[in-house]
PDB file of N, CA and C in Angstrom:
ATOM      1  N   MET A   1      97.499  95.422 110.041  1.00  0.00           N
ATOM      2  CA  MET A   1      97.236  96.501 108.940  1.00  0.00           C
ATOM      3  C   MET A   1      97.766  98.120 109.526  1.00  0.00           C
ATOM      4  N   SER A   2      98.714  98.633 108.649  1.00  0.00           N
ATOM      5  CA  SER A   2      99.282  99.867 109.214  1.00  0.00           C
ATOM      6  C   SER A   2      98.534 100.635 108.165  1.00  0.00           C
ATOM      7  N   LEU A   3      98.178 101.914 109.321  1.00  0.00           N
ATOM      8  CA  LEU A   3      97.635 103.104 108.268  1.00  0.00           C
ATOM      9  C   LEU A   3      98.095 103.183 107.374  1.00  0.00           C
ATOM     10  N   LEU A   4      99.631 103.676 107.060  1.00  0.00           N
ATOM     11  CA  LEU A   4      99.586 103.477 105.572  1.00  0.00           C
ATOM     12  C   LEU A   4      99.750 102.325 104.670  1.00  0.00           C
ATOM     13  N   THR A   5      99.382 101.432 105.157  1.00  0.00           N
ATOM     14  CA  THR A   5      98.420 100.415 104.074  1.00  0.00           C
ATOM     15  C   THR A   5      97.483 100.363 103.905  1.00  0.00           C
ATOM     16  N   ILE A   6      96.466 101.252 104.704  1.00  0.00           N
ATOM     17  CA  ILE A   6      95.060 101.173 104.603  1.00  0.00           C
ATOM     18  C   ILE A   6      94.936 102.262 103.752  1.00  0.00           C
ATOM     19  N   ILE A   7      95.782 103.493 103.766  1.00  0.00           N
ATOM     20  CA  ILE A   7      95.431 104.255 103.165  1.00  0.00           C
ATOM     21  C   ILE A   7      96.121 104.484 101.547  1.00  0.00           C
ATOM     22  N   LEU A   8      96.754 103.393 100.856  1.00  0.00           N
ATOM     23  CA  LEU A   8      97.133 102.993 100.068  1.00  0.00           C
ATOM     24  C   LEU A   8      96.415 101.729  99.281  1.00  0.00           C
ATOM     25  N   ASN A   9      95.795 101.157 100.032  1.00  0.00           N
ATOM     26  CA  ASN A   9      94.720 100.450  99.361  1.00  0.00           C
ATOM     27  C   ASN A   9      93.445 101.015  98.928  1.00  0.00           C
ATOM     28  N   ILE A  10      92.943 102.081  99.254  1.00  0.00           N
ATOM     29  CA  ILE A  10      91.698 102.967  99.423  1.00  0.00           C
ATOM     30  C   ILE A  10      92.875 103.306  97.903  1.00  0.00           C
ATOM     31  N   LEU A  11      93.480 104.245  97.834  1.00  0.00           N
ATOM     32  CA  LEU A  11      93.534 104.923  97.477  1.00  0.00           C
ATOM     33  C   LEU A  11      94.290 104.524  95.911  1.00  0.00           C
ATOM     34  N   LEU A  12      95.877 103.434  95.961  1.00  0.00           N
ATOM     35  CA  LEU A  12      96.555 103.223  95.061  1.00  0.00           C
ATOM     36  C   LEU A  12      96.744 101.822  95.102  1.00  0.00           C
ATOM     37  N   PRO A  13      95.358 101.187  95.357  1.00  0.00           N
ATOM     38  CA  PRO A  13      95.772  99.487  95.259  1.00  0.00           C
ATOM     39  C   PRO A  13      96.436  98.549  94.908  1.00  0.00           C
ATOM     40  N   PRO A  14      96.874  98.919  93.930  1.00  0.00           N
ATOM     41  CA  PRO A  14      97.886  97.693  92.952  1.00  0.00           C
ATOM     42  C   PRO A  14      99.117  98.452  93.412  1.00  0.00           C
ATOM     43  N   LEU A  15      99.404  99.954  94.029  1.00  0.00           N
ATOM     44  CA  LEU A  15     100.739  99.869  94.803  1.00  0.00           C
ATOM     45  C   LEU A  15     101.285  99.251  95.795  1.00  0.00           C
ATOM     46  N   ALA A  16      99.761  99.250  96.957  1.00  0.00           N
ATOM     47  CA  ALA A  16      99.353  98.809  97.684  1.00  0.00           C
ATOM     48  C   ALA A  16      99.811  97.159  97.975  1.00  0.00           C
ATOM     49  N   VAL A  17      99.458  96.746  97.396  1.00  0.00           N
ATOM     50  CA  VAL A  17      99.806  95.059  96.956  1.00  0.00           C
ATOM     51  C   VAL A  17     101.159  95.164  96.584  1.00  0.00           C
ATOM     52  N   PHE A  18     101.638  95.684  95.730  1.00  0.00           N
ATOM     53  CA  PHE A  18     103.355  95.718  95.481  1.00  0.00           C
ATOM     54  C   PHE A  18     104.032  96.064  96.037  1.00  0.00           C
ATOM     55  N   LEU A  19     103.479  96.663  97.068  1.00  0.00           N
ATOM     56  CA  LEU A  19     104.721  96.581  98.464  1.00  0.00           C
ATOM     57  C   LEU A  19     104.745  96.042  99.162  1.00  0.00           C
ATOM     58  N   LYS A  20     103.124  95.159  99.070  1.00  0.00           N
ATOM     59  CA  LYS A  20     103.896  94.022 100.523  1.00  0.00           C
ATOM     60  C   LYS A  20     103.644  92.682  99.749  1.00  0.00           C
ATOM     61  N   HIS A  21     103.664  92.398  98.529  1.00  0.00           N
ATOM     62  CA  HIS A  21     103.826  91.074  97.913  1.00  0.00           C
ATOM     63  C   HIS A  21     104.754  90.868  96.688  1.00  0.00           C
ATOM     64  N   GLY A  22     104.798  92.387  95.875  1.00  0.00           N
ATOM     65  CA  GLY A  22     105.839  92.200  95.128  1.00  0.00           C
ATOM     66  C   GLY A  22     105.115  92.320  93.523  1.00  0.00           C
ATOM     67  N   LEU A  23     105.942  91.675  92.762  1.00  0.00           N
ATOM     68  CA  LEU A  23     105.458  91.465  91.330  1.00  0.00           C
ATOM     69  C   LEU A  23     105.156  90.155  91.091  1.00  0.00           C
ATOM     70  N   GLY A  24     104.016  89.936  90.366  1.00  0.00           N
ATOM     71  CA  GLY A  24     103.670  88.595  90.995  1.00  0.00           C
ATOM     72  C   GLY A  24     101.941  88.234  90.566  1.00  0.00           C
ATOM     73  N   VAL A  25     101.593  87.281  90.231  1.00  0.00           N
ATOM     74  CA  VAL A  25     100.081  87.031  89.638  1.00  0.00           C
ATOM     75  C   VAL A  25      99.066  88.275  90.444  1.00  0.00           C
ATOM     76  N   THR A  26      99.474  88.273  91.937  1.00  0.00           N
ATOM     77  CA  THR A  26      98.365  88.888  92.919  1.00  0.00           C
ATOM     78  C   THR A  26      98.686  90.175  92.357  1.00  0.00           C
ATOM     79  N   PHE A  27      99.671  90.767  92.079  1.00  0.00           N
ATOM     80  CA  PHE A  27      99.872  92.247  91.306  1.00  0.00           C
ATOM     81  C   PHE A  27      99.231  92.491  90.425  1.00  0.00           C
ATOM     82  N   LEU A  28      99.253  91.730  89.051  1.00  0.00           N
ATOM     83  CA  LEU A  28      98.429  91.527  88.250  1.00  0.00           C
ATOM     84  C   LEU A  28      96.968  92.202  88.471  1.00  0.00           C
ATOM     85  N   ILE A  29      96.661  90.779  89.262  1.00  0.00           N
ATOM     86  CA  ILE A  29      94.614  90.768  89.843  1.00  0.00           C
ATOM     87  C   ILE A  29      94.415  91.976  89.762  1.00  0.00           C
ATOM     88  N   SER A  30      95.726  92.622  90.557  1.00  0.00           N
ATOM     89  CA  SER A  30      94.818  93.794  91.455  1.00  0.00           C
ATOM     90  C   SER A  30      94.885  95.080  90.649  1.00  0.00           C
ATOM     91  N   LEU A  31      95.939  95.112  89.655  1.00  0.00           N
ATOM     92  CA  LEU A  31      96.308  95.724  88.654  1.00  0.00           C
ATOM     93  C   LEU A  31      94.715  95.676  87.583  1.00  0.00           C
ATOM     94  N   LEU A  32      94.625  95.082  87.011  1.00  0.00           N
ATOM     95  CA  LEU A  32      93.483  94.210  86.318  1.00  0.00           C
ATOM     96  C   LEU A  32      91.974  94.607  86.764  1.00  0.00           C
ATOM     97  N   LEU A  33      91.684  94.675  88.525  1.00  0.00           N
ATOM     98  CA  LEU A  33      90.371  94.507  88.741  1.00  0.00           C
ATOM     99  C   LEU A  33      90.236  95.998  88.703  1.00  0.00           C
ATOM    100  N   THR A  34      91.835  96.744  89.085  1.00  0.00           N
ATOM    101  CA  THR A  34      91.300  98.595  89.594  1.00  0.00           C
ATOM    102  C   THR A  34      91.112  98.919  88.177  1.00  0.00           C
ATOM    103  N   ALA A  35      91.836  98.735  87.115  1.00  0.00           N
ATOM    104  CA  ALA A  35      91.314  99.202  85.742  1.00  0.00           C
ATOM    105  C   ALA A  35      90.130  99.297  85.070  1.00  0.00           C
ATOM    106  N   LEU A  36      89.640  97.489  85.887  1.00  0.00           N
ATOM    107  CA  LEU A  36      88.251  97.533  85.175  1.00  0.00           C
ATOM    108  C   LEU A  36      86.606  98.267  85.799  1.00  0.00           C
ATOM    109  N   GLY A  37      87.404  98.920  87.714  1.00  0.00           N
ATOM    110  CA  GLY A  37      86.468  99.286  88.387  1.00  0.00           C
ATOM    111  C   GLY A  37      87.685  99.732  89.831  1.00  0.00           C
ATOM    112  N   TRP A  38      87.602 100.845  90.345  1.00  0.00           N
ATOM    113  CA  TRP A  38      88.012 100.985  91.207  1.00  0.00           C
ATOM    114  C   TRP A  38      88.093 100.842  92.447  1.00  0.00           C
ATOM    115  N   ILE A  39      86.591 100.252  92.318  1.00  0.00           N
ATOM    116  CA  ILE A  39      85.859  99.576  93.611  1.00  0.00           C
ATOM    117  C   ILE A  39      86.030  98.037  93.959  1.00  0.00           C
ATOM    118  N   PRO A  40      86.144  97.554  93.100  1.00  0.00           N
ATOM    119  CA  PRO A  40      86.968  95.549  92.759  1.00  0.00           C
ATOM    120  C   PRO A  40      88.198  95.458  93.609  1.00  0.00           C
ATOM    121  N   GLY A  41      89.467  97.048  93.043  1.00  0.00           N
ATOM    122  CA  GLY A  41      90.588  96.858  93.008  1.00  0.00           C
ATOM    123  C   GLY A  41      90.840  97.006  94.823  1.00  0.00           C
ATOM    124  N   VAL A  42      89.698  98.117  95.289  1.00  0.00           N
ATOM    125  CA  VAL A  42      90.268  98.263  96.315  1.00  0.00           C
ATOM    126  C   VAL A  42      89.712  97.021  97.341  1.00  0.00           C
ATOM    127  N   ILE A  43      88.812  96.138  96.879  1.00  0.00           N
ATOM    128  CA  ILE A  43      87.922  95.197  97.863  1.00  0.00           C
ATOM    129  C   ILE A  43      89.449  93.942  97.472  1.00  0.00           C
ATOM    130  N   HIS A  44      89.860  93.999  96.202  1.00  0.00           N
ATOM    131  CA  HIS A  44      90.787  92.799  96.288  1.00  0.00           C
ATOM    132  C   HIS A  44      92.154  93.371  96.712  1.00  0.00           C
ATOM    133  N   ALA A  45      92.554  94.537  97.346  1.00  0.00           N
ATOM    134  CA  ALA A  45      93.277  94.785  98.045  1.00  0.00           C
ATOM    135  C   ALA A  45      93.671  94.843  99.301  1.00  0.00           C
ATOM    136  N   PHE A  46      92.724  94.838  99.906  1.00  0.00           N
ATOM    137  CA  PHE A  46      92.434  94.748 101.221  1.00  0.00           C
ATOM    138  C   PHE A  46      92.381  92.982 101.837  1.00  0.00           C
ATOM    139  N   LEU A  47      91.513  92.584 100.665  1.00  0.00           N
ATOM    140  CA  LEU A  47      91.438  91.023 100.726  1.00  0.00           C
ATOM    141  C   LEU A  47      93.166  90.145 101.013  1.00  0.00           C
ATOM    142  N   VAL A  48      93.609  91.157  99.876  1.00  0.00           N
ATOM    143  CA  VAL A  48      95.165  90.422  99.750  1.00  0.00           C
ATOM    144  C   VAL A  48      95.673  90.328 101.003  1.00  0.00           C
ATOM    145  N   ASN A  49      95.809  92.387 101.569  1.00  0.00           N
ATOM    146  CA  ASN A  49      96.733  92.728 102.127  1.00  0.00           C
ATOM    147  C   ASN A  49      96.230  92.307 103.878  1.00  0.00           C
ATOM    148  N   GLY A  50      94.882  92.162 103.700  1.00  0.00           N
ATOM    149  CA  GLY A  50      94.648  91.501 105.132  1.00  0.00           C
ATOM    150  C   GLY A  50      94.676  90.482 105.864  1.00  0.00           C
ATOM    151  N   THR A  51      95.181  89.213 104.645  1.00  0.00           N
ATOM    152  CA  THR A  51      94.884  88.081 105.072  1.00  0.00           C
ATOM    153  C   THR A  51      96.243  87.122 105.322  1.00  0.00           C
ATOM    154  N   ARG A  52      97.350  87.957 104.731  1.00  0.00           N
ATOM    155  CA  ARG A  52      98.631  87.696 105.188  1.00  0.00           C
ATOM    156  C   ARG A  52      99.485  88.111 105.967  1.00  0.00           C
TER     157      ARG A  52
END
């Protein structure tokens, strides 16, 4: 995972997921979790971007 990805995971989780995976279900889940609360969005972004 690059430094840019880590920074984006923290600051803008949906953008980080979009750049790594494109538009899709993963992006929509990240967007929803970030809208519900920033911390769940960050956790989801790290989990998704760290596993692939």
